[in-house]
C-alpha atoms as a PDB file:
ATOM      1  CA  MET A   1       0.000   0.000   0.000  1.00  0.00           C
ATOM      2  CA  THR A   2       1.333   3.426  -0.922  1.00  0.00           C
ATOM      3  CA  TYR A   3       1.000   6.254   1.552  1.00  0.00           C
ATOM      4  CA  SER A   4       1.264   9.981   1.259  1.00  0.00           C
ATOM      5  CA  THR A   5       4.671  11.405   0.513  1.00  0.00           C
ATOM      6  CA  ALA A   6       3.936  14.526   2.540  1.00  0.00           C
ATOM      7  CA  PRO A   7       6.776  15.777   4.718  1.00  0.00           C
ATOM      8  CA  ALA A   8       7.289  13.748   7.864  1.00  0.00           C
ATOM      9  CA  TYR A   9       6.246  16.547  10.187  1.00  0.00           C
ATOM     10  CA  ASN A  10       5.558  20.243  10.018  1.00  0.00           C
ATOM     11  CA  GLY A  11       5.525  21.437  13.606  1.00  0.00           C
ATOM     12  CA  SER A  12       5.183  25.146  12.806  1.00  0.00           C
ATOM     13  CA  ILE A  13       2.602  27.072  14.775  1.00  0.00           C
ATOM     14  CA  LEU A  14       0.788  28.290  11.646  1.00  0.00           C
ATOM     15  CA  HIS A  15       0.482  24.748  10.293  1.00  0.00           C
ATOM     16  CA  THR A  16      -0.678  23.453  13.668  1.00  0.00           C
ATOM     17  CA  PHE A  17      -3.271  26.204  14.138  1.00  0.00           C
ATOM     18  CA  PHE A  18      -4.737  26.511  10.664  1.00  0.00           C
ATOM     19  CA  SER A  19      -4.146  23.368   8.589  1.00  0.00           C
ATOM     20  CA  PHE A  20      -6.369  20.298   8.627  1.00  0.00           C
ATOM     21  CA  LYS A  21      -3.798  18.156   6.792  1.00  0.00           C
ATOM     22  CA  GLY A  22      -1.192  15.865   8.244  1.00  0.00           C
ATOM     23  CA  ARG A  23      -0.649  14.411  11.686  1.00  0.00           C
ATOM     24  CA  CYS A  24       0.428  15.754  15.057  1.00  0.00           C
ATOM     25  CA  THR A  25       1.699  14.288  18.303  1.00  0.00           C
ATOM     26  CA  ARG A  26      -0.044  14.223  21.662  1.00  0.00           C
ATOM     27  CA  LEU A  27       2.345  16.897  22.918  1.00  0.00           C
ATOM     28  CA  ASP A  28       1.322  19.178  20.048  1.00  0.00           C
ATOM     29  CA  TYR A  29      -2.310  18.415  20.786  1.00  0.00           C
ATOM     30  CA  TRP A  30      -1.960  19.607  24.365  1.00  0.00           C
ATOM     31  CA  LEU A  31       0.596  22.420  24.055  1.00  0.00           C
ATOM     32  CA  LYS A  32      -0.270  23.855  20.636  1.00  0.00           C
ATOM     33  CA  GLY A  33      -3.953  23.002  20.415  1.00  0.00           C
ATOM     34  CA  PHE A  34      -6.067  22.196  23.442  1.00  0.00           C
ATOM     35  CA  ILE A  35      -4.528  24.627  25.927  1.00  0.00           C
ATOM     36  CA  PRO A  36      -4.170  27.656  23.576  1.00  0.00           C
ATOM     37  CA  SER A  37      -7.662  27.231  22.136  1.00  0.00           C
ATOM     38  CA  ASN A  38      -9.183  27.146  25.613  1.00  0.00           C
ATOM     39  CA  ILE A  39      -7.164  30.175  26.700  1.00  0.00           C
ATOM     40  CA  LEU A  40      -8.366  32.082  23.623  1.00  0.00           C
ATOM     41  CA  PHE A  41     -11.949  31.060  24.315  1.00  0.00           C
ATOM     42  CA  PHE A  42     -12.017  32.019  28.003  1.00  0.00           C
ATOM     43  CA  ALA A  43      -9.621  35.014  27.999  1.00  0.00           C
ATOM     44  CA  PRO A  44     -12.280  37.524  26.918  1.00  0.00           C
ATOM     45  CA  LEU A  45     -14.288  36.700  30.027  1.00  0.00           C
ATOM     46  CA  PHE A  46     -11.451  38.113  32.114  1.00  0.00           C
ATOM     47  CA  ILE A  47     -10.459  40.966  29.807  1.00  0.00           C
ATOM     48  CA  ILE A  48     -13.879  42.492  29.072  1.00  0.00           C
ATOM     49  CA  GLN A  49     -14.355  45.717  31.033  1.00  0.00           C
ATOM     50  CA  PRO A  50     -17.705  47.108  32.225  1.00  0.00           C
ATOM     51  CA  THR A  51     -16.601  50.586  31.085  1.00  0.00           C
ATOM     52  CA  TRP A  52     -16.406  49.533  27.423  1.00  0.00           C
ATOM     53  CA  PRO A  53     -19.059  50.923  25.065  1.00  0.00           C
ATOM     54  CA  GLU A  54     -22.076  48.716  24.443  1.00  0.00           C
ATOM     55  CA  GLY A  55     -21.363  45.959  21.927  1.00  0.00           C
ATOM     56  CA  MET A  56     -17.584  46.233  22.249  1.00  0.00           C
ATOM     57  CA  ASP A  57     -17.454  43.018  24.269  1.00  0.00           C
ATOM     58  CA  THR A  58     -19.144  41.158  21.393  1.00  0.00           C
ATOM     59  CA  LEU A  59     -16.654  42.580  18.904  1.00  0.00           C
ATOM     60  CA  PHE A  60     -13.898  41.253  21.123  1.00  0.00           C
ATOM     61  CA  PHE A  61     -15.385  37.874  22.075  1.00  0.00           C
ATOM     62  CA  VAL A  62     -16.723  36.595  18.731  1.00  0.00           C
ATOM     63  CA  PRO A  63     -13.427  36.645  16.779  1.00  0.00           C
ATOM     64  CA  MET A  64     -11.613  35.066  19.727  1.00  0.00           C
ATOM     65  CA  ALA A  65     -14.249  32.315  19.935  1.00  0.00           C
ATOM     66  CA  ILE A  66     -14.070  31.629  16.189  1.00  0.00           C
ATOM     67  CA  LEU A  67     -10.271  31.445  16.296  1.00  0.00           C
ATOM     68  CA  SER A  68     -10.432  29.153  19.322  1.00  0.00           C
ATOM     69  CA  ILE A  69     -12.875  26.763  17.653  1.00  0.00           C
ATOM     70  CA  TRP A  70     -10.824  26.717  14.419  1.00  0.00           C
ATOM     71  CA  ILE A  71      -7.614  25.870  16.288  1.00  0.00           C
ATOM     72  CA  GLY A  72      -9.364  23.165  18.316  1.00  0.00           C
ATOM     73  CA  LEU A  73     -10.819  21.585  15.183  1.00  0.00           C
ATOM     74  CA  ALA A  74      -7.534  21.745  13.227  1.00  0.00           C
ATOM     75  CA  VAL A  75      -5.489  20.105  15.966  1.00  0.00           C
ATOM     76  CA  GLY A  76      -8.206  17.550  16.738  1.00  0.00           C
ATOM     77  CA  VAL A  77      -8.443  16.517  13.087  1.00  0.00           C
ATOM     78  CA  LYS A  78      -4.667  16.082  12.892  1.00  0.00           C
ATOM     79  CA  ARG A  79      -4.729  13.945  16.053  1.00  0.00           C
ATOM     80  CA  PHE A  80      -7.426  11.720  14.569  1.00  0.00           C
ATOM     81  CA  HIS A  81      -5.253  11.428  11.467  1.00  0.00           C
ATOM     82  CA  ASP A  82      -2.357  10.364  13.686  1.00  0.00           C
ATOM     83  CA  ARG A  83      -4.582   7.683  15.196  1.00  0.00           C
ATOM     84  CA  GLY A  84      -5.485   6.483  11.675  1.00  0.00           C
ATOM     85  CA  HIS A  85      -9.056   7.791  11.657  1.00  0.00           C
ATOM     86  CA  ALA A  86     -10.868  10.291   9.465  1.00  0.00           C
ATOM     87  CA  GLY A  87     -10.908  13.858  10.746  1.00  0.00           C
ATOM     88  CA  ALA A  88     -14.717  13.892  10.671  1.00  0.00           C
ATOM     89  CA  TYR A  89     -14.643  11.855  13.876  1.00  0.00           C
ATOM     90  CA  ILE A  90     -14.027  15.172  15.645  1.00  0.00           C
ATOM     91  CA  PHE A  91     -17.790  15.747  15.490  1.00  0.00           C
ATOM     92  CA  PHE A  92     -18.271  12.959  18.046  1.00  0.00           C
ATOM     93  CA  SER A  93     -16.942  15.477  20.562  1.00  0.00           C
ATOM     94  CA  LEU A  94     -20.312  17.253  20.297  1.00  0.00           C
ATOM     95  CA  ILE A  95     -22.101  14.239  21.808  1.00  0.00           C
ATOM     96  CA  PRO A  96     -22.173  14.009  25.611  1.00  0.00           C
ATOM     97  CA  ILE A  97     -20.210  11.039  26.995  1.00  0.00           C
ATOM     98  CA  ALA A  98     -18.731  10.410  23.533  1.00  0.00           C
ATOM     99  CA  ASN A  99     -16.714  13.596  24.014  1.00  0.00           C
ATOM    100  CA  LEU A 100     -14.889  11.902  26.899  1.00  0.00           C
ATOM    101  CA  ILE A 101     -13.930   9.035  24.596  1.00  0.00           C
ATOM    102  CA  VAL A 102     -12.733  11.561  22.024  1.00  0.00           C
ATOM    103  CA  LEU A 103     -10.601  13.270  24.685  1.00  0.00           C
ATOM    104  CA  LEU A 104      -9.080   9.917  25.667  1.00  0.00           C
ATOM    105  CA  GLN A 105      -8.386   9.077  22.009  1.00  0.00           C
ATOM    106  CA  LEU A 106      -6.806  12.404  21.176  1.00  0.00           C
ATOM    107  CA  GLY A 107      -5.077  13.333  24.373  1.00  0.00           C
ATOM    108  CA  PHE A 108      -3.819  10.077  25.812  1.00  0.00           C
ATOM    109  CA  MET A 109      -3.550   7.354  23.167  1.00  0.00           C
ATOM    110  CA  ASP A 110      -0.474   7.047  20.975  1.00  0.00           C
ATOM    111  CA  GLY A 111      -0.664   7.462  17.200  1.00  0.00           C
ATOM    112  CA  GLU A 112      -0.015   4.786  14.600  1.00  0.00           C
ATOM    113  CA  TYR A 113       3.566   3.744  14.044  1.00  0.00           C
ATOM    114  CA  GLY A 114       5.007   4.608  10.664  1.00  0.00           C
ATOM    115  CA  PRO A 115       3.243   6.306   7.785  1.00  0.00           C
ATOM    116  CA  ASN A 116      -0.493   6.002   7.329  1.00  0.00           C
ATOM    117  CA  PHE A 117      -3.033   7.299   4.808  1.00  0.00           C
ATOM    118  CA  TYR A 118      -2.771  10.839   6.261  1.00  0.00           C
ATOM    119  CA  GLY A 119       1.002  11.273   6.181  1.00  0.00           C
ATOM    120  CA  GLN A 120       4.299  10.312   7.704  1.00  0.00           C
ATOM    121  CA  ASP A 121       4.679   9.559  11.398  1.00  0.00           C
ATOM    122  CA  PRO A 122       5.373  12.843  13.249  1.00  0.00           C
ATOM    123  CA  LYS A 123       7.727  10.930  15.555  1.00  0.00           C
ATOM    124  CA  SER A 124       9.593   9.433  12.554  1.00  0.00           C
ATOM    125  CA  ARG A 125       8.991   5.865  13.700  1.00  0.00           C
ATOM    126  CA  GLU A 126       8.991   2.957  11.283  1.00  0.00           C
ATOM    127  CA  LYS A 127       6.023   0.605  10.972  1.00  0.00           C
ATOM    128  CA  VAL A 128       6.645  -2.620  12.874  1.00  0.00           C
ATOM    129  CA  SER A 129       6.222  -5.764  10.767  1.00  0.00           C
ATOM    130  CA  ALA A 130       4.749  -8.868  12.362  1.00  0.00           C
END
């Protein structure tokens, strides 16, 4: 079976935040995806001032929320790719209880060894033959 010849790993922040292609490690999931997206989502709650003009809080919160959701989706899709699953599985995180399984899959389980359909192994490991 022939797999993608995409570069082994592109760990740049822009690729991690905005691209839905490739694979990423658990460390990238936590440090470049899950934590920053949650900080971006909840930061406006602490920054918004009561002295701001009416509607200014919405102008501040909405773009931050959109950026947070985009980053979370991009990193989640890449983690599912690393596990050998389609990125569309990220939508299971919208279902109560199933979202806990998604968190376990993405945040705690190791990716496939060697290249898979979605790209090269981000840890540069070779596939183990039986």
